[in-house]
Amino acid sequence: MPTPVLLSRGLDPVLGIFTGCFAYYLHETNPRTAPPPDKQLAALVQWKWAKWKRERDEKLNALEREAEASSRVVG
């Protein structure tokens, strides 16, 4: 028995992704269902990006301090 196909094997996944993204957009912009501004996806992504950058900078600064300390001991 062949698998059911709506449009084609290649276009069905694209249609599914588009439909899901569009539904999420409508959910975030509808006044009745919209989350508060600090809980929307864009704000959450910005927060996560800033947190990741801060942690990365802290890790790089720690590695630089460690490299400087080890170069003073050797040199």
PDB file of N, CA and C in Angstrom:
ATOM      1  N   MET A   1       0.849  -1.177   0.000  1.00  0.00           N
ATOM      2  CA  MET A   1       0.000   0.000   0.000  1.00  0.00           C
ATOM      3  C   MET A   1       0.898   1.245   0.000  1.00  0.00           C
ATOM      4  N   PRO A   2       0.747   2.155  -0.943  1.00  0.00           N
ATOM      5  CA  PRO A   2       1.603   3.350  -1.005  1.00  0.00           C
ATOM      6  C   PRO A   2       1.266   4.334   0.121  1.00  0.00           C
ATOM      7  N   THR A   3       2.275   5.088   0.492  1.00  0.00           N
ATOM      8  CA  THR A   3       2.084   6.093   1.540  1.00  0.00           C
ATOM      9  C   THR A   3       1.238   7.252   1.000  1.00  0.00           C
ATOM     10  N   PRO A   4       0.325   7.759   1.817  1.00  0.00           N
ATOM     11  CA  PRO A   4      -0.481   8.889   1.337  1.00  0.00           C
ATOM     12  C   PRO A   4       0.381  10.152   1.215  1.00  0.00           C
ATOM     13  N   VAL A   5       0.191  10.850   0.116  1.00  0.00           N
ATOM     14  CA  VAL A   5       0.954  12.062  -0.155  1.00  0.00           C
ATOM     15  C   VAL A   5      -0.034  13.162  -0.506  1.00  0.00           C
ATOM     16  N   LEU A   6       0.135  14.331   0.113  1.00  0.00           N
ATOM     17  CA  LEU A   6      -0.774  15.436  -0.156  1.00  0.00           C
ATOM     18  C   LEU A   6      -0.422  16.117  -1.474  1.00  0.00           C
ATOM     19  N   LEU A   7       0.771  16.642  -1.589  1.00  0.00           N
ATOM     20  CA  LEU A   7       1.198  17.306  -2.831  1.00  0.00           C
ATOM     21  C   LEU A   7       2.293  16.501  -3.510  1.00  0.00           C
ATOM     22  N   SER A   8       3.413  16.347  -2.822  1.00  0.00           N
ATOM     23  CA  SER A   8       4.503  15.517  -3.328  1.00  0.00           C
ATOM     24  C   SER A   8       5.392  15.177  -2.142  1.00  0.00           C
ATOM     25  N   ARG A   9       6.294  14.233  -2.330  1.00  0.00           N
ATOM     26  CA  ARG A   9       7.157  13.822  -1.219  1.00  0.00           C
ATOM     27  C   ARG A   9       8.071  14.947  -0.770  1.00  0.00           C
ATOM     28  N   GLY A  10       8.477  15.809  -1.677  1.00  0.00           N
ATOM     29  CA  GLY A  10       9.377  16.902  -1.336  1.00  0.00           C
ATOM     30  C   GLY A  10       8.659  18.140  -0.833  1.00  0.00           C
ATOM     31  N   LEU A  11       7.437  18.355  -1.285  1.00  0.00           N
ATOM     32  CA  LEU A  11       6.711  19.575  -0.922  1.00  0.00           C
ATOM     33  C   LEU A  11       5.929  19.432   0.381  1.00  0.00           C
ATOM     34  N   ASP A  12       5.550  18.224   0.744  1.00  0.00           N
ATOM     35  CA  ASP A  12       4.797  18.030   1.982  1.00  0.00           C
ATOM     36  C   ASP A  12       5.541  18.513   3.228  1.00  0.00           C
ATOM     37  N   PRO A  13       6.845  18.193   3.416  1.00  0.00           N
ATOM     38  CA  PRO A  13       7.543  18.707   4.601  1.00  0.00           C
ATOM     39  C   PRO A  13       7.638  20.231   4.616  1.00  0.00           C
ATOM     40  N   VAL A  14       7.839  20.845   3.441  1.00  0.00           N
ATOM     41  CA  VAL A  14       7.908  22.306   3.365  1.00  0.00           C
ATOM     42  C   VAL A  14       6.567  22.908   3.767  1.00  0.00           C
ATOM     43  N   LEU A  15       5.480  22.325   3.273  1.00  0.00           N
ATOM     44  CA  LEU A  15       4.146  22.796   3.639  1.00  0.00           C
ATOM     45  C   LEU A  15       3.915  22.648   5.137  1.00  0.00           C
ATOM     46  N   GLY A  16       4.373  21.559   5.728  1.00  0.00           N
ATOM     47  CA  GLY A  16       4.203  21.353   7.168  1.00  0.00           C
ATOM     48  C   GLY A  16       4.984  22.365   7.988  1.00  0.00           C
ATOM     49  N   ILE A  17       6.217  22.652   7.592  1.00  0.00           N
ATOM     50  CA  ILE A  17       7.031  23.629   8.321  1.00  0.00           C
ATOM     51  C   ILE A  17       6.423  25.020   8.182  1.00  0.00           C
ATOM     52  N   PHE A  18       5.992  25.387   6.967  1.00  0.00           N
ATOM     53  CA  PHE A  18       5.371  26.688   6.762  1.00  0.00           C
ATOM     54  C   PHE A  18       4.109  26.826   7.604  1.00  0.00           C
ATOM     55  N   THR A  19       3.283  25.797   7.622  1.00  0.00           N
ATOM     56  CA  THR A  19       2.038  25.847   8.388  1.00  0.00           C
ATOM     57  C   THR A  19       2.323  26.001   9.873  1.00  0.00           C
ATOM     58  N   GLY A  20       3.315  25.280  10.387  1.00  0.00           N
ATOM     59  CA  GLY A  20       3.662  25.389  11.800  1.00  0.00           C
ATOM     60  C   GLY A  20       4.188  26.767  12.159  1.00  0.00           C
ATOM     61  N   CYS A  21       5.068  27.313  11.328  1.00  0.00           N
ATOM     62  CA  CYS A  21       5.609  28.658  11.589  1.00  0.00           C
ATOM     63  C   CYS A  21       4.513  29.711  11.515  1.00  0.00           C
ATOM     64  N   PHE A  22       3.638  29.579  10.539  1.00  0.00           N
ATOM     65  CA  PHE A  22       2.538  30.537  10.397  1.00  0.00           C
ATOM     66  C   PHE A  22       1.588  30.451  11.594  1.00  0.00           C
ATOM     67  N   ALA A  23       1.294  29.250  12.055  1.00  0.00           N
ATOM     68  CA  ALA A  23       0.427  29.089  13.224  1.00  0.00           C
ATOM     69  C   ALA A  23       1.060  29.706  14.466  1.00  0.00           C
ATOM     70  N   TYR A  24       2.377  29.529  14.623  1.00  0.00           N
ATOM     71  CA  TYR A  24       3.063  30.122  15.774  1.00  0.00           C
ATOM     72  C   TYR A  24       3.040  31.639  15.689  1.00  0.00           C
ATOM     73  N   TYR A  25       3.254  32.183  14.492  1.00  0.00           N
ATOM     74  CA  TYR A  25       3.186  33.636  14.293  1.00  0.00           C
ATOM     75  C   TYR A  25       1.803  34.161  14.674  1.00  0.00           C
ATOM     76  N   LEU A  26       0.764  33.487  14.210  1.00  0.00           N
ATOM     77  CA  LEU A  26      -0.597  33.922  14.541  1.00  0.00           C
ATOM     78  C   LEU A  26      -0.845  33.826  16.043  1.00  0.00           C
ATOM     79  N   HIS A  27      -0.314  32.809  16.690  1.00  0.00           N
ATOM     80  CA  HIS A  27      -0.480  32.647  18.136  1.00  0.00           C
ATOM     81  C   HIS A  27       0.188  33.800  18.888  1.00  0.00           C
ATOM     82  N   GLU A  28       1.377  34.219  18.426  1.00  0.00           N
ATOM     83  CA  GLU A  28       2.102  35.297  19.118  1.00  0.00           C
ATOM     84  C   GLU A  28       1.527  36.671  18.840  1.00  0.00           C
ATOM     85  N   THR A  29       0.844  36.856  17.719  1.00  0.00           N
ATOM     86  CA  THR A  29       0.355  38.194  17.373  1.00  0.00           C
ATOM     87  C   THR A  29      -1.128  38.387  17.658  1.00  0.00           C
ATOM     88  N   ASN A  30      -1.870  37.345  17.917  1.00  0.00           N
ATOM     89  CA  ASN A  30      -3.289  37.478  18.225  1.00  0.00           C
ATOM     90  C   ASN A  30      -3.444  38.122  19.599  1.00  0.00           C
ATOM     91  N   PRO A  31      -4.218  39.183  19.715  1.00  0.00           N
ATOM     92  CA  PRO A  31      -4.342  39.869  21.016  1.00  0.00           C
ATOM     93  C   PRO A  31      -4.876  38.971  22.144  1.00  0.00           C
ATOM     94  N   ARG A  32      -5.694  37.981  21.821  1.00  0.00           N
ATOM     95  CA  ARG A  32      -6.248  37.126  22.880  1.00  0.00           C
ATOM     96  C   ARG A  32      -5.251  36.093  23.368  1.00  0.00           C
ATOM     97  N   THR A  33      -4.386  35.605  22.491  1.00  0.00           N
ATOM     98  CA  THR A  33      -3.483  34.526  22.876  1.00  0.00           C
ATOM     99  C   THR A  33      -2.039  34.972  22.999  1.00  0.00           C
ATOM    100  N   ALA A  34      -1.748  36.232  22.709  1.00  0.00           N
ATOM    101  CA  ALA A  34      -0.356  36.699  22.711  1.00  0.00           C
ATOM    102  C   ALA A  34       0.231  36.645  24.118  1.00  0.00           C
ATOM    103  N   PRO A  35       1.442  36.098  24.258  1.00  0.00           N
ATOM    104  CA  PRO A  35       2.105  36.115  25.564  1.00  0.00           C
ATOM    105  C   PRO A  35       2.587  37.529  25.880  1.00  0.00           C
ATOM    106  N   PRO A  36       2.893  37.808  27.136  1.00  0.00           N
ATOM    107  CA  PRO A  36       3.414  39.143  27.464  1.00  0.00           C
ATOM    108  C   PRO A  36       4.716  39.406  26.694  1.00  0.00           C
ATOM    109  N   PRO A  37       5.056  40.673  26.495  1.00  0.00           N
ATOM    110  CA  PRO A  37       6.230  40.998  25.667  1.00  0.00           C
ATOM    111  C   PRO A  37       7.530  40.340  26.132  1.00  0.00           C
ATOM    112  N   ASP A  38       7.695  40.141  27.437  1.00  0.00           N
ATOM    113  CA  ASP A  38       8.944  39.522  27.904  1.00  0.00           C
ATOM    114  C   ASP A  38       8.948  38.007  27.733  1.00  0.00           C
ATOM    115  N   LYS A  39       7.843  37.413  27.335  1.00  0.00           N
ATOM    116  CA  LYS A  39       7.773  35.962  27.132  1.00  0.00           C
ATOM    117  C   LYS A  39       7.656  35.585  25.659  1.00  0.00           C
ATOM    118  N   GLN A  40       7.728  36.556  24.757  1.00  0.00           N
ATOM    119  CA  GLN A  40       7.659  36.239  23.342  1.00  0.00           C
ATOM    120  C   GLN A  40       8.979  35.646  22.876  1.00  0.00           C
ATOM    121  N   LEU A  41       8.929  34.961  21.761  1.00  0.00           N
ATOM    122  CA  LEU A  41      10.094  34.229  21.271  1.00  0.00           C
ATOM    123  C   LEU A  41      11.287  35.149  21.028  1.00  0.00           C
ATOM    124  N   ALA A  42      11.062  36.309  20.433  1.00  0.00           N
ATOM    125  CA  ALA A  42      12.178  37.216  20.136  1.00  0.00           C
ATOM    126  C   ALA A  42      12.888  37.647  21.416  1.00  0.00           C
ATOM    127  N   ALA A  43      12.134  37.968  22.458  1.00  0.00           N
ATOM    128  CA  ALA A  43      12.739  38.384  23.725  1.00  0.00           C
ATOM    129  C   ALA A  43      13.494  37.234  24.382  1.00  0.00           C
ATOM    130  N   LEU A  44      12.944  36.043  24.308  1.00  0.00           N
ATOM    131  CA  LEU A  44      13.611  34.885  24.902  1.00  0.00           C
ATOM    132  C   LEU A  44      14.905  34.545  24.155  1.00  0.00           C
ATOM    133  N   VAL A  45      14.896  34.676  22.830  1.00  0.00           N
ATOM    134  CA  VAL A  45      16.099  34.400  22.049  1.00  0.00           C
ATOM    135  C   VAL A  45      17.167  35.448  22.358  1.00  0.00           C
ATOM    136  N   GLN A  46      16.777  36.718  22.463  1.00  0.00           N
ATOM    137  CA  GLN A  46      17.737  37.765  22.807  1.00  0.00           C
ATOM    138  C   GLN A  46      18.349  37.509  24.182  1.00  0.00           C
ATOM    139  N   TRP A  47      17.543  37.113  25.148  1.00  0.00           N
ATOM    140  CA  TRP A  47      18.037  36.828  26.493  1.00  0.00           C
ATOM    141  C   TRP A  47      19.023  35.664  26.464  1.00  0.00           C
ATOM    142  N   LYS A  48      18.657  34.596  25.742  1.00  0.00           N
ATOM    143  CA  LYS A  48      19.523  33.423  25.676  1.00  0.00           C
ATOM    144  C   LYS A  48      20.833  33.765  24.961  1.00  0.00           C
ATOM    145  N   TRP A  49      20.773  34.563  23.894  1.00  0.00           N
ATOM    146  CA  TRP A  49      21.970  34.955  23.159  1.00  0.00           C
ATOM    147  C   TRP A  49      22.905  35.780  24.040  1.00  0.00           C
ATOM    148  N   ALA A  50      22.328  36.725  24.801  1.00  0.00           N
ATOM    149  CA  ALA A  50      23.142  37.557  25.697  1.00  0.00           C
ATOM    150  C   ALA A  50      23.789  36.698  26.787  1.00  0.00           C
ATOM    151  N   LYS A  51      23.048  35.746  27.309  1.00  0.00           N
ATOM    152  CA  LYS A  51      23.582  34.850  28.341  1.00  0.00           C
ATOM    153  C   LYS A  51      24.726  34.013  27.778  1.00  0.00           C
ATOM    154  N   TRP A  52      24.567  33.503  26.566  1.00  0.00           N
ATOM    155  CA  TRP A  52      25.598  32.692  25.937  1.00  0.00           C
ATOM    156  C   TRP A  52      26.860  33.524  25.694  1.00  0.00           C
ATOM    157  N   LYS A  53      26.688  34.769  25.197  1.00  0.00           N
ATOM    158  CA  LYS A  53      27.836  35.636  24.954  1.00  0.00           C
ATOM    159  C   LYS A  53      28.564  35.969  26.248  1.00  0.00           C
ATOM    160  N   ARG A  54      27.807  36.230  27.321  1.00  0.00           N
ATOM    161  CA  ARG A  54      28.428  36.548  28.608  1.00  0.00           C
ATOM    162  C   ARG A  54      29.234  35.363  29.123  1.00  0.00           C
ATOM    163  N   GLU A  55      28.665  34.170  29.057  1.00  0.00           N
ATOM    164  CA  GLU A  55      29.380  32.977  29.518  1.00  0.00           C
ATOM    165  C   GLU A  55      30.616  32.704  28.656  1.00  0.00           C
ATOM    166  N   ARG A  56      30.501  32.923  27.342  1.00  0.00           N
ATOM    167  CA  ARG A  56      31.643  32.716  26.461  1.00  0.00           C
ATOM    168  C   ARG A  56      32.758  33.715  26.773  1.00  0.00           C
ATOM    169  N   ASP A  57      32.386  34.983  27.002  1.00  0.00           N
ATOM    170  CA  ASP A  57      33.389  35.996  27.340  1.00  0.00           C
ATOM    171  C   ASP A  57      34.083  35.677  28.658  1.00  0.00           C
ATOM    172  N   GLU A  58      33.309  35.217  29.638  1.00  0.00           N
ATOM    173  CA  GLU A  58      33.907  34.844  30.924  1.00  0.00           C
ATOM    174  C   GLU A  58      34.894  33.691  30.748  1.00  0.00           C
ATOM    175  N   LYS A  59      34.518  32.709  29.938  1.00  0.00           N
ATOM    176  CA  LYS A  59      35.401  31.562  29.712  1.00  0.00           C
ATOM    177  C   LYS A  59      36.672  31.996  28.981  1.00  0.00           C
ATOM    178  N   LEU A  60      36.534  32.855  27.967  1.00  0.00           N
ATOM    179  CA  LEU A  60      37.711  33.321  27.239  1.00  0.00           C
ATOM    180  C   LEU A  60      38.617  34.174  28.130  1.00  0.00           C
ATOM    181  N   ASN A  61      38.023  35.025  28.964  1.00  0.00           N
ATOM    182  CA  ASN A  61      38.829  35.830  29.883  1.00  0.00           C
ATOM    183  C   ASN A  61      39.586  34.943  30.870  1.00  0.00           C
ATOM    184  N   ALA A  62      38.943  33.902  31.363  1.00  0.00           N
ATOM    185  CA  ALA A  62      39.611  32.977  32.284  1.00  0.00           C
ATOM    186  C   ALA A  62      40.771  32.262  31.590  1.00  0.00           C
ATOM    187  N   LEU A  63      40.567  31.865  30.338  1.00  0.00           N
ATOM    188  CA  LEU A  63      41.643  31.205  29.597  1.00  0.00           C
ATOM    189  C   LEU A  63      42.801  32.170  29.330  1.00  0.00           C
ATOM    190  N   GLU A  64      42.487  33.429  29.027  1.00  0.00           N
ATOM    191  CA  GLU A  64      43.556  34.408  28.810  1.00  0.00           C
ATOM    192  C   GLU A  64      44.342  34.651  30.091  1.00  0.00           C
ATOM    193  N   ARG A  65      43.647  34.770  31.225  1.00  0.00           N
ATOM    194  CA  ARG A  65      44.344  34.954  32.503  1.00  0.00           C
ATOM    195  C   ARG A  65      45.233  33.761  32.808  1.00  0.00           C
ATOM    196  N   GLU A  66      44.734  32.560  32.533  1.00  0.00           N
ATOM    197  CA  GLU A  66      45.516  31.352  32.781  1.00  0.00           C
ATOM    198  C   GLU A  66      46.741  31.303  31.867  1.00  0.00           C
ATOM    199  N   ALA A  67      46.580  31.710  30.613  1.00  0.00           N
ATOM    200  CA  ALA A  67      47.708  31.712  29.683  1.00  0.00           C
ATOM    201  C   ALA A  67      48.759  32.741  30.103  1.00  0.00           C
ATOM    202  N   GLU A  68      48.308  33.917  30.545  1.00  0.00           N
ATOM    203  CA  GLU A  68      49.252  34.939  31.014  1.00  0.00           C
ATOM    204  C   GLU A  68      50.007  34.458  32.244  1.00  0.00           C
ATOM    205  N   ALA A  69      49.297  33.816  33.168  1.00  0.00           N
ATOM    206  CA  ALA A  69      49.948  33.321  34.387  1.00  0.00           C
ATOM    207  C   ALA A  69      50.964  32.233  34.053  1.00  0.00           C
ATOM    208  N   SER A  70      50.626  31.351  33.142  1.00  0.00           N
ATOM    209  CA  SER A  70      51.568  30.290  32.802  1.00  0.00           C
ATOM    210  C   SER A  70      52.753  30.826  32.007  1.00  0.00           C
ATOM    211  N   SER A  71      52.563  31.882  31.224  1.00  0.00           N
ATOM    212  CA  SER A  71      53.701  32.452  30.480  1.00  0.00           C
ATOM    213  C   SER A  71      54.649  33.192  31.415  1.00  0.00           C
ATOM    214  N   ARG A  72      54.118  33.767  32.486  1.00  0.00           N
ATOM    215  CA  ARG A  72      54.997  34.441  33.468  1.00  0.00           C
ATOM    216  C   ARG A  72      55.839  33.429  34.212  1.00  0.00           C
ATOM    217  N   VAL A  73      55.269  32.272  34.516  1.00  0.00           N
ATOM    218  CA  VAL A  73      55.996  31.243  35.257  1.00  0.00           C
ATOM    219  C   VAL A  73      57.113  30.677  34.384  1.00  0.00           C
ATOM    220  N   VAL A  74      56.821  30.419  33.115  1.00  0.00           N
ATOM    221  CA  VAL A  74      57.794  29.833  32.201  1.00  0.00           C
ATOM    222  C   VAL A  74      58.847  30.866  31.823  1.00  0.00           C
ATOM    223  N   GLY A  75      58.447  32.101  31.547  1.00  0.00           N
ATOM    224  CA  GLY A  75      59.360  33.125  31.046  1.00  0.00           C
ATOM    225  C   GLY A  75      60.043  33.839  32.113  1.00  0.00           C
TER     226      GLY A  75
END
